[in-house]
Amino acid sequence: MLELNFQEDGLIPAIIQDRHSGKVLMLGYMNEVAYQKTLDSGFVTFYSRSRQKLWVKGETSGHRLMAREIRVDCDQDALLIQADLTGPGCCHMGYRSCFFRKVTANGEEIILQREFDPARVYGEAKPGSQT
């Protein structure tokens, strides 16, 4: 029987994967309410640790994530959600994936092209804001 193992803070990490390409789009956290809302609505819902509230991915940008399959790891303490993205990007910085940087011996290297202008979608983009 499925019994998710939420962390002490009541959250469980959720890795979001593009259903078609298999590429990782982002990592977010869910509490029990966000998990249930995702199941009920089909739209990936997270719990924002910084804002201390629920948020549906794409509520500002319109770039929503439609959950197509939810998997749980063997310890039942992490989720893998295969989703369809309904916009050009998942990252609030304008990239399809939040994992657009590669760590190198010299620092970082941007390895993806920006898909949209965050200033046009969100107004003045703020570092670390969530969409």
N, C-alpha and C. Protein backbone atom coordinates (compact mmCIF):
# COMPACT_ATOMS: atom_id res chain seq x y z
N MET A 1 0.84 -1.19 0.00
CA MET A 1 0.00 0.00 0.00
C MET A 1 0.88 1.24 0.00
N LEU A 2 0.52 2.22 -0.80
CA LEU A 2 1.29 3.45 -0.91
C LEU A 2 1.13 4.29 0.35
N GLU A 3 2.25 4.61 0.95
CA GLU A 3 2.27 5.48 2.11
C GLU A 3 3.48 6.41 1.96
N LEU A 4 3.23 7.60 1.41
CA LEU A 4 4.33 8.52 1.15
C LEU A 4 5.03 8.91 2.45
N ASN A 5 6.35 9.00 2.36
CA ASN A 5 7.18 9.33 3.50
C ASN A 5 7.59 10.80 3.40
N PHE A 6 6.74 11.68 3.91
CA PHE A 6 7.03 13.11 3.90
C PHE A 6 8.14 13.40 4.91
N GLN A 7 8.98 14.39 4.61
CA GLN A 7 10.07 14.77 5.50
C GLN A 7 9.51 15.36 6.79
N GLU A 8 10.39 15.63 7.73
CA GLU A 8 9.97 16.19 9.02
C GLU A 8 9.21 17.51 8.86
N ASP A 9 9.56 18.27 7.80
CA ASP A 9 8.88 19.54 7.56
C ASP A 9 7.55 19.37 6.82
N GLY A 10 7.16 18.11 6.58
CA GLY A 10 5.89 17.83 5.92
C GLY A 10 5.94 17.87 4.41
N LEU A 11 7.15 17.93 3.85
CA LEU A 11 7.30 18.05 2.40
C LEU A 11 7.95 16.80 1.80
N ILE A 12 7.72 16.63 0.51
CA ILE A 12 8.34 15.56 -0.25
C ILE A 12 8.86 16.18 -1.55
N PRO A 13 10.12 15.87 -1.94
CA PRO A 13 10.63 16.42 -3.19
C PRO A 13 9.94 15.77 -4.40
N ALA A 14 9.68 16.60 -5.41
CA ALA A 14 9.03 16.13 -6.63
C ALA A 14 9.87 16.57 -7.83
N ILE A 15 10.44 15.61 -8.51
CA ILE A 15 11.21 15.87 -9.72
C ILE A 15 10.22 15.87 -10.88
N ILE A 16 10.27 16.92 -11.69
CA ILE A 16 9.35 17.03 -12.83
C ILE A 16 10.13 16.72 -14.10
N GLN A 17 9.63 15.76 -14.86
CA GLN A 17 10.27 15.28 -16.06
C GLN A 17 9.35 15.49 -17.25
N ASP A 18 9.90 15.99 -18.36
CA ASP A 18 9.13 16.12 -19.59
C ASP A 18 8.74 14.72 -20.06
N ARG A 19 7.47 14.49 -20.22
CA ARG A 19 6.97 13.15 -20.56
C ARG A 19 7.49 12.66 -21.90
N HIS A 20 7.70 13.55 -22.84
CA HIS A 20 8.11 13.13 -24.18
C HIS A 20 9.62 13.00 -24.33
N SER A 21 10.37 13.98 -23.83
CA SER A 21 11.83 13.96 -24.02
C SER A 21 12.57 13.23 -22.91
N GLY A 22 11.94 13.11 -21.75
CA GLY A 22 12.60 12.49 -20.61
C GLY A 22 13.52 13.44 -19.86
N LYS A 23 13.63 14.70 -20.31
CA LYS A 23 14.51 15.66 -19.65
C LYS A 23 13.89 16.18 -18.36
N VAL A 24 14.73 16.41 -17.37
CA VAL A 24 14.27 16.95 -16.10
C VAL A 24 13.99 18.44 -16.29
N LEU A 25 12.80 18.87 -15.89
CA LEU A 25 12.40 20.27 -16.03
C LEU A 25 12.66 21.06 -14.75
N MET A 26 12.37 20.48 -13.61
CA MET A 26 12.52 21.21 -12.36
C MET A 26 12.40 20.27 -11.16
N LEU A 27 12.68 20.82 -10.01
CA LEU A 27 12.47 20.15 -8.73
C LEU A 27 11.64 21.08 -7.86
N GLY A 28 10.62 20.55 -7.27
CA GLY A 28 9.80 21.32 -6.35
C GLY A 28 9.45 20.47 -5.15
N TYR A 29 8.70 21.03 -4.22
CA TYR A 29 8.31 20.30 -3.02
C TYR A 29 6.80 20.33 -2.88
N MET A 30 6.26 19.25 -2.40
CA MET A 30 4.82 19.13 -2.17
C MET A 30 4.57 18.77 -0.72
N ASN A 31 3.51 19.35 -0.16
CA ASN A 31 2.99 18.83 1.09
C ASN A 31 1.82 17.92 0.71
N GLU A 32 1.13 17.37 1.69
CA GLU A 32 0.04 16.45 1.39
C GLU A 32 -1.08 17.12 0.60
N VAL A 33 -1.35 18.39 0.90
CA VAL A 33 -2.42 19.11 0.20
C VAL A 33 -2.03 19.33 -1.27
N ALA A 34 -0.80 19.74 -1.52
CA ALA A 34 -0.35 19.96 -2.90
C ALA A 34 -0.37 18.66 -3.69
N TYR A 35 0.05 17.58 -3.06
CA TYR A 35 0.02 16.27 -3.71
C TYR A 35 -1.42 15.90 -4.09
N GLN A 36 -2.34 16.08 -3.17
CA GLN A 36 -3.74 15.73 -3.45
C GLN A 36 -4.33 16.64 -4.52
N LYS A 37 -4.00 17.93 -4.49
CA LYS A 37 -4.50 18.85 -5.53
C LYS A 37 -3.96 18.46 -6.89
N THR A 38 -2.72 18.00 -6.95
CA THR A 38 -2.14 17.53 -8.21
C THR A 38 -2.93 16.34 -8.72
N LEU A 39 -3.22 15.40 -7.84
CA LEU A 39 -4.01 14.23 -8.24
C LEU A 39 -5.40 14.63 -8.71
N ASP A 40 -6.04 15.53 -7.98
CA ASP A 40 -7.43 15.92 -8.27
C ASP A 40 -7.56 16.77 -9.53
N SER A 41 -6.64 17.73 -9.71
CA SER A 41 -6.76 18.69 -10.81
C SER A 41 -6.02 18.28 -12.07
N GLY A 42 -4.96 17.50 -11.91
CA GLY A 42 -4.11 17.15 -13.04
C GLY A 42 -3.02 18.17 -13.29
N PHE A 43 -3.07 19.33 -12.63
CA PHE A 43 -2.04 20.35 -12.76
C PHE A 43 -1.09 20.24 -11.57
N VAL A 44 0.22 20.24 -11.87
CA VAL A 44 1.22 20.08 -10.81
C VAL A 44 1.14 21.27 -9.86
N THR A 45 0.96 20.96 -8.59
CA THR A 45 0.84 21.95 -7.53
C THR A 45 1.95 21.70 -6.52
N PHE A 46 2.58 22.78 -6.08
CA PHE A 46 3.69 22.68 -5.13
C PHE A 46 3.35 23.44 -3.86
N TYR A 47 4.20 23.25 -2.87
CA TYR A 47 4.17 24.07 -1.68
C TYR A 47 5.42 24.94 -1.72
N SER A 48 5.23 26.25 -1.73
CA SER A 48 6.35 27.19 -1.75
C SER A 48 6.92 27.34 -0.35
N ARG A 49 8.18 26.93 -0.21
CA ARG A 49 8.83 27.05 1.10
C ARG A 49 9.08 28.52 1.44
N SER A 50 9.38 29.34 0.44
CA SER A 50 9.67 30.76 0.72
C SER A 50 8.41 31.55 1.04
N ARG A 51 7.31 31.26 0.34
CA ARG A 51 6.06 31.99 0.55
C ARG A 51 5.11 31.30 1.53
N GLN A 52 5.46 30.06 1.88
CA GLN A 52 4.64 29.30 2.83
C GLN A 52 3.19 29.15 2.36
N LYS A 53 3.04 28.81 1.07
CA LYS A 53 1.69 28.60 0.55
C LYS A 53 1.75 27.71 -0.68
N LEU A 54 0.58 27.20 -1.07
CA LEU A 54 0.46 26.39 -2.28
C LEU A 54 0.60 27.27 -3.51
N TRP A 55 1.14 26.69 -4.58
CA TRP A 55 1.15 27.39 -5.87
C TRP A 55 1.08 26.37 -6.99
N VAL A 56 0.26 26.68 -7.97
CA VAL A 56 0.13 25.85 -9.16
C VAL A 56 1.17 26.33 -10.15
N LYS A 57 2.02 25.43 -10.60
CA LYS A 57 3.04 25.80 -11.57
C LYS A 57 2.36 26.44 -12.78
N GLY A 58 2.80 27.65 -13.13
CA GLY A 58 2.26 28.35 -14.28
C GLY A 58 1.11 29.28 -13.98
N GLU A 59 0.78 29.48 -12.71
CA GLU A 59 -0.36 30.34 -12.39
C GLU A 59 -0.12 31.78 -12.83
N THR A 60 1.13 32.20 -12.92
CA THR A 60 1.45 33.54 -13.41
C THR A 60 1.78 33.53 -14.89
N SER A 61 2.62 32.60 -15.31
CA SER A 61 3.13 32.57 -16.68
C SER A 61 2.18 31.92 -17.67
N GLY A 62 1.31 31.03 -17.18
CA GLY A 62 0.48 30.24 -18.08
C GLY A 62 1.19 28.99 -18.57
N HIS A 63 2.45 28.82 -18.18
CA HIS A 63 3.24 27.65 -18.58
C HIS A 63 3.02 26.55 -17.56
N ARG A 64 1.87 25.92 -17.63
CA ARG A 64 1.47 24.92 -16.64
C ARG A 64 2.08 23.56 -16.93
N LEU A 65 2.11 22.75 -15.91
CA LEU A 65 2.56 21.37 -16.02
C LEU A 65 1.36 20.47 -15.80
N MET A 66 1.04 19.67 -16.79
CA MET A 66 -0.07 18.73 -16.68
C MET A 66 0.52 17.37 -16.30
N ALA A 67 0.21 16.91 -15.11
CA ALA A 67 0.74 15.63 -14.62
C ALA A 67 0.12 14.49 -15.43
N ARG A 68 0.97 13.65 -15.99
CA ARG A 68 0.50 12.50 -16.77
C ARG A 68 0.75 11.18 -16.06
N GLU A 69 1.83 11.14 -15.25
CA GLU A 69 2.14 9.93 -14.49
C GLU A 69 2.94 10.34 -13.27
N ILE A 70 2.60 9.77 -12.13
CA ILE A 70 3.33 10.04 -10.90
C ILE A 70 3.94 8.73 -10.43
N ARG A 71 5.26 8.77 -10.23
CA ARG A 71 5.98 7.61 -9.73
C ARG A 71 6.57 7.96 -8.37
N VAL A 72 6.77 6.94 -7.56
CA VAL A 72 7.36 7.12 -6.25
C VAL A 72 8.59 6.21 -6.17
N ASP A 73 9.62 6.67 -5.49
CA ASP A 73 10.83 5.85 -5.38
C ASP A 73 10.62 4.72 -4.36
N CYS A 74 11.63 3.86 -4.25
CA CYS A 74 11.51 2.66 -3.41
C CYS A 74 11.31 2.97 -1.94
N ASP A 75 11.84 4.09 -1.46
CA ASP A 75 11.66 4.48 -0.05
C ASP A 75 10.40 5.30 0.17
N GLN A 76 9.69 5.61 -0.89
CA GLN A 76 8.48 6.41 -0.87
C GLN A 76 8.70 7.80 -0.28
N ASP A 77 9.94 8.34 -0.52
CA ASP A 77 10.26 9.67 0.00
C ASP A 77 10.63 10.67 -1.09
N ALA A 78 10.34 10.32 -2.34
CA ALA A 78 10.56 11.24 -3.46
C ALA A 78 9.61 10.86 -4.59
N LEU A 79 9.16 11.87 -5.32
CA LEU A 79 8.25 11.66 -6.44
C LEU A 79 8.93 12.01 -7.75
N LEU A 80 8.56 11.30 -8.79
CA LEU A 80 8.94 11.63 -10.16
C LEU A 80 7.64 11.82 -10.91
N ILE A 81 7.43 13.05 -11.39
CA ILE A 81 6.18 13.35 -12.10
C ILE A 81 6.50 13.59 -13.56
N GLN A 82 5.95 12.75 -14.40
CA GLN A 82 6.08 12.94 -15.84
C GLN A 82 4.93 13.84 -16.26
N ALA A 83 5.30 14.93 -16.95
CA ALA A 83 4.30 15.96 -17.23
C ALA A 83 4.44 16.49 -18.65
N ASP A 84 3.37 17.12 -19.10
CA ASP A 84 3.38 17.89 -20.35
C ASP A 84 3.41 19.36 -19.96
N LEU A 85 4.33 20.11 -20.56
CA LEU A 85 4.46 21.55 -20.33
C LEU A 85 3.62 22.29 -21.36
N THR A 86 2.75 23.20 -20.90
CA THR A 86 1.85 23.91 -21.81
C THR A 86 2.39 25.29 -22.18
N GLY A 87 3.68 25.42 -22.27
CA GLY A 87 4.29 26.68 -22.66
C GLY A 87 5.72 26.44 -23.10
N PRO A 88 6.42 27.50 -23.45
CA PRO A 88 7.78 27.33 -23.98
C PRO A 88 8.82 26.98 -22.92
N GLY A 89 8.52 27.27 -21.66
CA GLY A 89 9.54 27.02 -20.66
C GLY A 89 8.96 26.79 -19.28
N CYS A 90 9.74 26.11 -18.47
CA CYS A 90 9.33 25.79 -17.10
C CYS A 90 10.03 26.71 -16.11
N CYS A 91 11.19 27.22 -16.49
CA CYS A 91 12.01 28.01 -15.57
C CYS A 91 11.62 29.49 -15.62
N HIS A 92 11.54 30.11 -14.44
CA HIS A 92 11.17 31.52 -14.37
C HIS A 92 12.25 32.43 -14.96
N MET A 93 13.41 31.85 -15.32
CA MET A 93 14.48 32.64 -15.94
C MET A 93 14.45 32.54 -17.46
N GLY A 94 13.42 31.88 -18.01
CA GLY A 94 13.20 31.85 -19.45
C GLY A 94 13.65 30.60 -20.17
N TYR A 95 14.05 29.59 -19.44
CA TYR A 95 14.53 28.35 -20.05
C TYR A 95 13.48 27.26 -19.95
N ARG A 96 13.57 26.28 -20.83
CA ARG A 96 12.63 25.16 -20.78
C ARG A 96 12.79 24.38 -19.48
N SER A 97 14.02 24.22 -19.02
CA SER A 97 14.34 23.49 -17.80
C SER A 97 15.04 24.41 -16.82
N CYS A 98 14.81 24.19 -15.54
CA CYS A 98 15.54 24.93 -14.51
C CYS A 98 17.01 24.49 -14.46
N PHE A 99 17.32 23.37 -15.08
CA PHE A 99 18.68 22.84 -15.09
C PHE A 99 19.36 23.23 -16.40
N PHE A 100 19.55 24.54 -16.60
CA PHE A 100 20.13 25.07 -17.83
C PHE A 100 21.61 25.37 -17.70
N ARG A 101 22.19 25.12 -16.53
CA ARG A 101 23.61 25.39 -16.30
C ARG A 101 24.35 24.09 -16.02
N LYS A 102 25.55 24.02 -16.55
CA LYS A 102 26.44 22.89 -16.27
C LYS A 102 27.57 23.40 -15.40
N VAL A 103 27.88 22.67 -14.35
CA VAL A 103 28.99 23.04 -13.48
C VAL A 103 30.28 22.55 -14.10
N THR A 104 31.26 23.45 -14.19
CA THR A 104 32.57 23.11 -14.75
C THR A 104 33.66 23.49 -13.74
N ALA A 105 34.88 23.11 -14.05
CA ALA A 105 36.02 23.47 -13.19
C ALA A 105 36.19 24.98 -13.11
N ASN A 106 35.69 25.70 -14.12
CA ASN A 106 35.81 27.16 -14.16
C ASN A 106 34.56 27.87 -13.67
N GLY A 107 33.61 27.15 -13.16
CA GLY A 107 32.38 27.78 -12.68
C GLY A 107 31.16 27.13 -13.29
N GLU A 108 30.48 27.86 -14.15
CA GLU A 108 29.28 27.33 -14.79
C GLU A 108 29.26 27.67 -16.26
N GLU A 109 28.50 26.89 -16.99
CA GLU A 109 28.32 27.11 -18.42
C GLU A 109 26.84 26.96 -18.73
N ILE A 110 26.25 27.93 -19.39
CA ILE A 110 24.84 27.83 -19.79
C ILE A 110 24.78 26.93 -21.01
N ILE A 111 23.98 25.87 -20.92
CA ILE A 111 23.96 24.86 -21.97
C ILE A 111 22.64 24.80 -22.73
N LEU A 112 21.67 25.62 -22.35
CA LEU A 112 20.40 25.67 -23.06
C LEU A 112 20.16 27.08 -23.57
N GLN A 113 19.31 27.20 -24.57
CA GLN A 113 18.92 28.51 -25.07
C GLN A 113 17.69 28.97 -24.31
N ARG A 114 17.63 30.27 -24.08
CA ARG A 114 16.45 30.85 -23.44
C ARG A 114 15.28 30.72 -24.42
N GLU A 115 14.14 30.29 -23.90
CA GLU A 115 12.95 30.04 -24.71
C GLU A 115 11.97 31.21 -24.72
N PHE A 116 12.02 32.03 -23.67
CA PHE A 116 11.12 33.18 -23.60
C PHE A 116 11.76 34.25 -22.74
N ASP A 117 11.25 35.46 -22.89
CA ASP A 117 11.75 36.61 -22.14
C ASP A 117 10.96 36.71 -20.83
N PRO A 118 11.62 36.45 -19.69
CA PRO A 118 10.88 36.48 -18.43
C PRO A 118 10.29 37.86 -18.10
N ALA A 119 10.93 38.93 -18.53
CA ALA A 119 10.40 40.26 -18.26
C ALA A 119 9.05 40.47 -18.95
N ARG A 120 8.88 39.88 -20.12
CA ARG A 120 7.60 40.01 -20.83
C ARG A 120 6.51 39.16 -20.18
N VAL A 121 6.90 38.04 -19.61
CA VAL A 121 5.92 37.12 -19.01
C VAL A 121 5.54 37.54 -17.60
N TYR A 122 6.54 37.95 -16.82
CA TYR A 122 6.30 38.24 -15.40
C TYR A 122 6.41 39.71 -15.03
N GLY A 123 6.73 40.58 -15.98
CA GLY A 123 7.08 41.94 -15.62
C GLY A 123 8.56 41.92 -15.28
N GLU A 124 8.98 42.65 -14.29
CA GLU A 124 10.39 42.64 -13.91
C GLU A 124 10.68 41.34 -13.17
N ALA A 125 11.52 40.48 -13.79
CA ALA A 125 11.85 39.19 -13.19
C ALA A 125 12.68 39.39 -11.92
N LYS A 126 12.35 38.63 -10.92
CA LYS A 126 13.08 38.69 -9.66
C LYS A 126 13.82 37.38 -9.47
N PRO A 127 15.13 37.45 -9.18
CA PRO A 127 15.89 36.22 -8.97
C PRO A 127 15.25 35.37 -7.88
N GLY A 128 15.13 34.08 -8.16
CA GLY A 128 14.60 33.15 -7.17
C GLY A 128 13.09 33.10 -7.09
N SER A 129 12.38 33.92 -7.88
CA SER A 129 10.92 33.87 -7.83
C SER A 129 10.44 32.61 -8.50
N GLN A 130 9.23 32.18 -8.14
CA GLN A 130 8.68 30.96 -8.69
C GLN A 130 7.47 31.30 -9.53
N THR A 131 7.25 30.46 -10.57
CA THR A 131 6.13 30.71 -11.45
C THR A 131 5.09 29.64 -11.34
